[in-house]
PDB file of N, CA and C in Angstrom:
ATOM      1  N   MET A   1      -9.081 -11.179   5.714  1.00  0.00           N
ATOM      2  CA  MET A   1      -9.825 -10.012   6.128  1.00  0.00           C
ATOM      3  C   MET A   1      -9.224  -8.774   5.469  1.00  0.00           C
ATOM      4  N   LEU A   2     -10.063  -7.973   4.845  1.00  0.00           N
ATOM      5  CA  LEU A   2      -9.629  -6.757   4.181  1.00  0.00           C
ATOM      6  C   LEU A   2      -9.528  -5.643   5.210  1.00  0.00           C
ATOM      7  N   ARG A   3      -8.374  -4.986   5.275  1.00  0.00           N
ATOM      8  CA  ARG A   3      -8.186  -3.883   6.203  1.00  0.00           C
ATOM      9  C   ARG A   3      -8.229  -2.591   5.429  1.00  0.00           C
ATOM     10  N   LEU A   4      -8.978  -1.629   5.923  1.00  0.00           N
ATOM     11  CA  LEU A   4      -9.100  -0.320   5.285  1.00  0.00           C
ATOM     12  C   LEU A   4      -8.554   0.758   6.206  1.00  0.00           C
ATOM     13  N   TRP A   5      -7.906   1.735   5.612  1.00  0.00           N
ATOM     14  CA  TRP A   5      -7.430   2.901   6.346  1.00  0.00           C
ATOM     15  C   TRP A   5      -7.805   4.132   5.550  1.00  0.00           C
ATOM     16  N   ASN A   6      -8.161   5.209   6.241  1.00  0.00           N
ATOM     17  CA  ASN A   6      -8.355   6.445   5.506  1.00  0.00           C
ATOM     18  C   ASN A   6      -7.083   7.270   5.600  1.00  0.00           C
ATOM     19  N   PHE A   7      -6.932   8.185   4.654  1.00  0.00           N
ATOM     20  CA  PHE A   7      -5.702   8.966   4.541  1.00  0.00           C
ATOM     21  C   PHE A   7      -5.427   9.737   5.826  1.00  0.00           C
ATOM     22  N   VAL A   8      -6.458  10.300   6.443  1.00  0.00           N
ATOM     23  CA  VAL A   8      -6.275  11.091   7.666  1.00  0.00           C
ATOM     24  C   VAL A   8      -5.676  10.232   8.769  1.00  0.00           C
ATOM     25  N   HIS A   9      -6.186   9.010   8.953  1.00  0.00           N
ATOM     26  CA  HIS A   9      -5.631   8.105   9.970  1.00  0.00           C
ATOM     27  C   HIS A   9      -4.163   7.814   9.679  1.00  0.00           C
ATOM     28  N   CYS A  10      -3.863   7.493   8.437  1.00  0.00           N
ATOM     29  CA  CYS A  10      -2.470   7.192   8.061  1.00  0.00           C
ATOM     30  C   CYS A  10      -1.589   8.419   8.262  1.00  0.00           C
ATOM     31  N   HIS A  11      -2.088   9.581   7.903  1.00  0.00           N
ATOM     32  CA  HIS A  11      -1.309  10.817   8.015  1.00  0.00           C
ATOM     33  C   HIS A  11      -0.928  11.094   9.460  1.00  0.00           C
ATOM     34  N   HIS A  12      -1.856  10.919  10.374  1.00  0.00           N
ATOM     35  CA  HIS A  12      -1.571  11.190  11.786  1.00  0.00           C
ATOM     36  C   HIS A  12      -0.511  10.241  12.331  1.00  0.00           C
ATOM     37  N   ASN A  13      -0.351   9.103  11.716  1.00  0.00           N
ATOM     38  CA  ASN A  13       0.590   8.104  12.219  1.00  0.00           C
ATOM     39  C   ASN A  13       1.897   8.012  11.449  1.00  0.00           C
ATOM     40  N   ARG A  14       1.981   8.629  10.253  1.00  0.00           N
ATOM     41  CA  ARG A  14       3.148   8.325   9.424  1.00  0.00           C
ATOM     42  C   ARG A  14       3.850   9.484   8.730  1.00  0.00           C
ATOM     43  N   GLY A  15       3.412  10.721   8.823  1.00  0.00           N
ATOM     44  CA  GLY A  15       4.201  11.768   8.200  1.00  0.00           C
ATOM     45  C   GLY A  15       3.412  12.775   7.409  1.00  0.00           C
ATOM     46  N   THR A  16       4.115  13.463   6.506  1.00  0.00           N
ATOM     47  CA  THR A  16       3.524  14.546   5.735  1.00  0.00           C
ATOM     48  C   THR A  16       2.623  14.019   4.634  1.00  0.00           C
ATOM     49  N   ASP A  17       1.756  14.893   4.108  1.00  0.00           N
ATOM     50  CA  ASP A  17       0.855  14.511   3.016  1.00  0.00           C
ATOM     51  C   ASP A  17       1.625  14.004   1.805  1.00  0.00           C
ATOM     52  N   SER A  18       2.638  14.773   1.371  1.00  0.00           N
ATOM     53  CA  SER A  18       3.360  14.381   0.160  1.00  0.00           C
ATOM     54  C   SER A  18       4.162  13.109   0.379  1.00  0.00           C
ATOM     55  N   ASN A  19       4.752  12.951   1.551  1.00  0.00           N
ATOM     56  CA  ASN A  19       5.507  11.745   1.871  1.00  0.00           C
ATOM     57  C   ASN A  19       4.582  10.536   1.881  1.00  0.00           C
ATOM     58  N   LEU A  20       3.463  10.649   2.568  1.00  0.00           N
ATOM     59  CA  LEU A  20       2.506   9.551   2.654  1.00  0.00           C
ATOM     60  C   LEU A  20       1.912   9.248   1.284  1.00  0.00           C
ATOM     61  N   GLY A  21       1.579  10.290   0.526  1.00  0.00           N
ATOM     62  CA  GLY A  21       1.028  10.098  -0.814  1.00  0.00           C
ATOM     63  C   GLY A  21       1.983   9.343  -1.715  1.00  0.00           C
ATOM     64  N   ALA A  22       3.264   9.663  -1.633  1.00  0.00           N
ATOM     65  CA  ALA A  22       4.273   8.978  -2.452  1.00  0.00           C
ATOM     66  C   ALA A  22       4.381   7.507  -2.055  1.00  0.00           C
ATOM     67  N   HIS A  23       4.358   7.226  -0.774  1.00  0.00           N
ATOM     68  CA  HIS A  23       4.445   5.838  -0.313  1.00  0.00           C
ATOM     69  C   HIS A  23       3.218   5.040  -0.739  1.00  0.00           C
ATOM     70  N   ILE A  24       2.040   5.632  -0.584  1.00  0.00           N
ATOM     71  CA  ILE A  24       0.817   4.944  -0.990  1.00  0.00           C
ATOM     72  C   ILE A  24       0.830   4.682  -2.481  1.00  0.00           C
ATOM     73  N   GLU A  25       1.259   5.650  -3.281  1.00  0.00           N
ATOM     74  CA  GLU A  25       1.332   5.469  -4.733  1.00  0.00           C
ATOM     75  C   GLU A  25       2.265   4.320  -5.104  1.00  0.00           C
ATOM     76  N   THR A  26       3.416   4.255  -4.465  1.00  0.00           N
ATOM     77  CA  THR A  26       4.370   3.176  -4.731  1.00  0.00           C
ATOM     78  C   THR A  26       3.772   1.824  -4.363  1.00  0.00           C
ATOM     79  N   LEU A  27       3.145   1.734  -3.198  1.00  0.00           N
ATOM     80  CA  LEU A  27       2.522   0.477  -2.775  1.00  0.00           C
ATOM     81  C   LEU A  27       1.396   0.067  -3.722  1.00  0.00           C
ATOM     82  N   ALA A  28       0.656   1.036  -4.231  1.00  0.00           N
ATOM     83  CA  ALA A  28      -0.422   0.731  -5.182  1.00  0.00           C
ATOM     84  C   ALA A  28       0.146   0.231  -6.505  1.00  0.00           C
ATOM     85  N   GLU A  29       1.233   0.838  -6.963  1.00  0.00           N
ATOM     86  CA  GLU A  29       1.854   0.435  -8.231  1.00  0.00           C
ATOM     87  C   GLU A  29       2.333  -1.009  -8.203  1.00  0.00           C
ATOM     88  N   ILE A  30       2.792  -1.479  -7.060  1.00  0.00           N
ATOM     89  CA  ILE A  30       3.301  -2.851  -6.988  1.00  0.00           C
ATOM     90  C   ILE A  30       2.257  -3.843  -6.482  1.00  0.00           C
ATOM     91  N   GLY A  31       1.028  -3.357  -6.273  1.00  0.00           N
ATOM     92  CA  GLY A  31      -0.067  -4.257  -5.955  1.00  0.00           C
ATOM     93  C   GLY A  31      -0.255  -4.592  -4.493  1.00  0.00           C
ATOM     94  N   TYR A  32       0.354  -3.842  -3.591  1.00  0.00           N
ATOM     95  CA  TYR A  32       0.203  -4.126  -2.163  1.00  0.00           C
ATOM     96  C   TYR A  32      -1.060  -3.500  -1.584  1.00  0.00           C
ATOM     97  N   VAL A  33      -1.527  -2.401  -2.176  1.00  0.00           N
ATOM     98  CA  VAL A  33      -2.727  -1.718  -1.708  1.00  0.00           C
ATOM     99  C   VAL A  33      -3.568  -1.276  -2.887  1.00  0.00           C
ATOM    100  N   SER A  34      -4.852  -1.058  -2.632  1.00  0.00           N
ATOM    101  CA  SER A  34      -5.700  -0.386  -3.609  1.00  0.00           C
ATOM    102  C   SER A  34      -6.127   0.929  -2.988  1.00  0.00           C
ATOM    103  N   VAL A  35      -6.368   1.914  -3.833  1.00  0.00           N
ATOM    104  CA  VAL A  35      -6.695   3.251  -3.361  1.00  0.00           C
ATOM    105  C   VAL A  35      -8.034   3.662  -3.960  1.00  0.00           C
ATOM    106  N   ASP A  36      -8.920   4.166  -3.118  1.00  0.00           N
ATOM    107  CA  ASP A  36     -10.211   4.669  -3.572  1.00  0.00           C
ATOM    108  C   ASP A  36     -10.317   6.117  -3.144  1.00  0.00           C
ATOM    109  N   GLN A  37     -10.553   7.011  -4.107  1.00  0.00           N
ATOM    110  CA  GLN A  37     -10.692   8.427  -3.798  1.00  0.00           C
ATOM    111  C   GLN A  37     -12.120   8.849  -4.122  1.00  0.00           C
ATOM    112  N   ALA A  38     -12.774   9.482  -3.164  1.00  0.00           N
ATOM    113  CA  ALA A  38     -14.157   9.911  -3.331  1.00  0.00           C
ATOM    114  C   ALA A  38     -14.374  11.186  -2.530  1.00  0.00           C
ATOM    115  N   PHE A  39     -15.546  11.771  -2.693  1.00  0.00           N
ATOM    116  CA  PHE A  39     -15.927  12.922  -1.891  1.00  0.00           C
ATOM    117  C   PHE A  39     -17.022  12.502  -0.931  1.00  0.00           C
ATOM    118  N   VAL A  40     -16.895  12.930   0.308  1.00  0.00           N
ATOM    119  CA  VAL A  40     -17.930  12.745   1.310  1.00  0.00           C
ATOM    120  C   VAL A  40     -18.427  14.157   1.607  1.00  0.00           C
ATOM    121  N   GLY A  41     -19.602  14.445   1.110  1.00  0.00           N
ATOM    122  CA  GLY A  41     -20.051  15.835   1.139  1.00  0.00           C
ATOM    123  C   GLY A  41     -19.171  16.614   0.180  1.00  0.00           C
ATOM    124  N   LYS A  42     -18.509  17.631   0.694  1.00  0.00           N
ATOM    125  CA  LYS A  42     -17.593  18.423  -0.140  1.00  0.00           C
ATOM    126  C   LYS A  42     -16.127  18.136   0.175  1.00  0.00           C
ATOM    127  N   LYS A  43     -15.889  17.166   1.036  1.00  0.00           N
ATOM    128  CA  LYS A  43     -14.518  16.863   1.445  1.00  0.00           C
ATOM    129  C   LYS A  43     -14.002  15.621   0.733  1.00  0.00           C
ATOM    130  N   PRO A  44     -12.752  15.693   0.231  1.00  0.00           N
ATOM    131  CA  PRO A  44     -12.176  14.499  -0.384  1.00  0.00           C
ATOM    132  C   PRO A  44     -11.856  13.450   0.670  1.00  0.00           C
ATOM    133  N   GLN A  45     -12.058  12.207   0.324  1.00  0.00           N
ATOM    134  CA  GLN A  45     -11.726  11.105   1.232  1.00  0.00           C
ATOM    135  C   GLN A  45     -10.986  10.041   0.449  1.00  0.00           C
ATOM    136  N   THR A  46      -9.797   9.712   0.899  1.00  0.00           N
ATOM    137  CA  THR A  46      -8.983   8.664   0.282  1.00  0.00           C
ATOM    138  C   THR A  46      -8.960   7.472   1.232  1.00  0.00           C
ATOM    139  N   THR A  47      -9.313   6.301   0.702  1.00  0.00           N
ATOM    140  CA  THR A  47      -9.296   5.077   1.486  1.00  0.00           C
ATOM    141  C   THR A  47      -8.282   4.119   0.875  1.00  0.00           C
ATOM    142  N   VAL A  48      -7.454   3.538   1.713  1.00  0.00           N
ATOM    143  CA  VAL A  48      -6.415   2.611   1.282  1.00  0.00           C
ATOM    144  C   VAL A  48      -6.750   1.233   1.842  1.00  0.00           C
ATOM    145  N   ALA A  49      -6.726   0.216   0.976  1.00  0.00           N
ATOM    146  CA  ALA A  49      -7.021  -1.150   1.401  1.00  0.00           C
ATOM    147  C   ALA A  49      -5.810  -2.036   1.136  1.00  0.00           C
ATOM    148  N   ALA A  50      -5.430  -2.819   2.124  1.00  0.00           N
ATOM    149  CA  ALA A  50      -4.340  -3.786   1.957  1.00  0.00           C
ATOM    150  C   ALA A  50      -4.853  -4.932   1.098  1.00  0.00           C
ATOM    151  N   THR A  51      -4.253  -5.107  -0.078  1.00  0.00           N
ATOM    152  CA  THR A  51      -4.720  -6.132  -1.019  1.00  0.00           C
ATOM    153  C   THR A  51      -3.575  -6.979  -1.547  1.00  0.00           C
ATOM    154  N   GLY A  52      -2.417  -6.851  -0.970  1.00  0.00           N
ATOM    155  CA  GLY A  52      -1.224  -7.401  -1.580  1.00  0.00           C
ATOM    156  C   GLY A  52      -0.740  -8.752  -1.120  1.00  0.00           C
ATOM    157  N   ARG A  53      -1.597  -9.625  -0.674  1.00  0.00           N
ATOM    158  CA  ARG A  53      -1.109 -10.941  -0.241  1.00  0.00           C
ATOM    159  C   ARG A  53      -0.372 -11.660  -1.367  1.00  0.00           C
ATOM    160  N   GLY A  54      -0.914 -11.621  -2.569  1.00  0.00           N
ATOM    161  CA  GLY A  54      -0.257 -12.279  -3.697  1.00  0.00           C
ATOM    162  C   GLY A  54       1.071 -11.617  -4.037  1.00  0.00           C
ATOM    163  N   ALA A  55       1.080 -10.291  -4.077  1.00  0.00           N
ATOM    164  CA  ALA A  55       2.317  -9.562  -4.368  1.00  0.00           C
ATOM    165  C   ALA A  55       3.352  -9.810  -3.278  1.00  0.00           C
ATOM    166  N   PHE A  56       2.914  -9.815  -2.032  1.00  0.00           N
ATOM    167  CA  PHE A  56       3.839 -10.061  -0.925  1.00  0.00           C
ATOM    168  C   PHE A  56       4.388 -11.480  -0.991  1.00  0.00           C
ATOM    169  N   ALA A  57       3.544 -12.449  -1.308  1.00  0.00           N
ATOM    170  CA  ALA A  57       3.997 -13.843  -1.425  1.00  0.00           C
ATOM    171  C   ALA A  57       5.054 -13.971  -2.525  1.00  0.00           C
ATOM    172  N   ARG A  58       4.864 -13.279  -3.652  1.00  0.00           N
ATOM    173  CA  ARG A  58       5.865 -13.301  -4.733  1.00  0.00           C
ATOM    174  C   ARG A  58       7.169 -12.658  -4.262  1.00  0.00           C
ATOM    175  N   HIS A  59       7.054 -11.576  -3.495  1.00  0.00           N
ATOM    176  CA  HIS A  59       8.245 -10.904  -2.964  1.00  0.00           C
ATOM    177  C   HIS A  59       9.023 -11.843  -2.036  1.00  0.00           C
ATOM    178  N   VAL A  60       8.316 -12.525  -1.149  1.00  0.00           N
ATOM    179  CA  VAL A  60       8.952 -13.465  -0.223  1.00  0.00           C
ATOM    180  C   VAL A  60       9.600 -14.612  -0.997  1.00  0.00           C
ATOM    181  N   ALA A  61       8.921 -15.129  -2.023  1.00  0.00           N
ATOM    182  CA  ALA A  61       9.479 -16.221  -2.830  1.00  0.00           C
ATOM    183  C   ALA A  61      10.770 -15.772  -3.511  1.00  0.00           C
ATOM    184  N   THR A  62      10.792 -14.545  -4.011  1.00  0.00           N
ATOM    185  CA  THR A  62      12.007 -14.016  -4.635  1.00  0.00           C
ATOM    186  C   THR A  62      13.131 -13.901  -3.617  1.00  0.00           C
ATOM    187  N   LEU A  63      12.824 -13.411  -2.426  1.00  0.00           N
ATOM    188  CA  LEU A  63      13.843 -13.314  -1.371  1.00  0.00           C
ATOM    189  C   LEU A  63      14.378 -14.695  -1.006  1.00  0.00           C
ATOM    190  N   GLN A  64      13.493 -15.695  -0.960  1.00  0.00           N
ATOM    191  CA  GLN A  64      13.923 -17.055  -0.648  1.00  0.00           C
ATOM    192  C   GLN A  64      14.848 -17.581  -1.732  1.00  0.00           C
ATOM    193  N   GLU A  65      14.567 -17.259  -2.992  1.00  0.00           N
ATOM    194  CA  GLU A  65      15.448 -17.673  -4.076  1.00  0.00           C
ATOM    195  C   GLU A  65      16.804 -17.017  -3.966  1.00  0.00           C
ATOM    196  N   ILE A  66      16.826 -15.766  -3.599  1.00  0.00           N
ATOM    197  CA  ILE A  66      18.099 -15.050  -3.412  1.00  0.00           C
ATOM    198  C   ILE A  66      18.892 -15.695  -2.283  1.00  0.00           C
ATOM    199  N   ILE A  67      18.227 -15.990  -1.169  1.00  0.00           N
ATOM    200  CA  ILE A  67      18.895 -16.637  -0.044  1.00  0.00           C
ATOM    201  C   ILE A  67      19.439 -18.012  -0.436  1.00  0.00           C
ATOM    202  N   ALA A  68      18.687 -18.734  -1.248  1.00  0.00           N
ATOM    203  CA  ALA A  68      19.105 -20.070  -1.681  1.00  0.00           C
ATOM    204  C   ALA A  68      20.220 -20.004  -2.724  1.00  0.00           C
ATOM    205  N   GLY A  69      20.541 -18.812  -3.171  1.00  0.00           N
ATOM    206  CA  GLY A  69      21.638 -18.659  -4.141  1.00  0.00           C
ATOM    207  C   GLY A  69      21.226 -18.787  -5.582  1.00  0.00           C
ATOM    208  N   LYS A  70      19.937 -18.753  -5.867  1.00  0.00           N
ATOM    209  CA  LYS A  70      19.470 -18.832  -7.239  1.00  0.00           C
ATOM    210  C   LYS A  70      19.522 -17.450  -7.864  1.00  0.00           C
ATOM    211  N   GLN A  71      19.765 -17.428  -9.149  1.00  0.00           N
ATOM    212  CA  GLN A  71      19.796 -16.168  -9.891  1.00  0.00           C
ATOM    213  C   GLN A  71      18.363 -15.732 -10.186  1.00  0.00           C
ATOM    214  N   VAL A  72      18.031 -14.495  -9.916  1.00  0.00           N
ATOM    215  CA  VAL A  72      16.693 -13.956 -10.239  1.00  0.00           C
ATOM    216  C   VAL A  72      16.790 -12.848 -11.245  1.00  0.00           C
TER     217      VAL A  72
END
């Protein structure tokens, strides 16, 4: 199931605009979320979708290798 959040919802729950923007950008760069920016009327609307199951699975696999003592 694809989960969507708008920037305003995330902002009310997680911090300042610049702080939240930086976190969203980082998550998008590593493939955990996708970001869609559009205008609704004259107001900007940013929507964030969790898309990183594959990226997260790779992250978990790497952590498991580290725990198992393998060199990564």
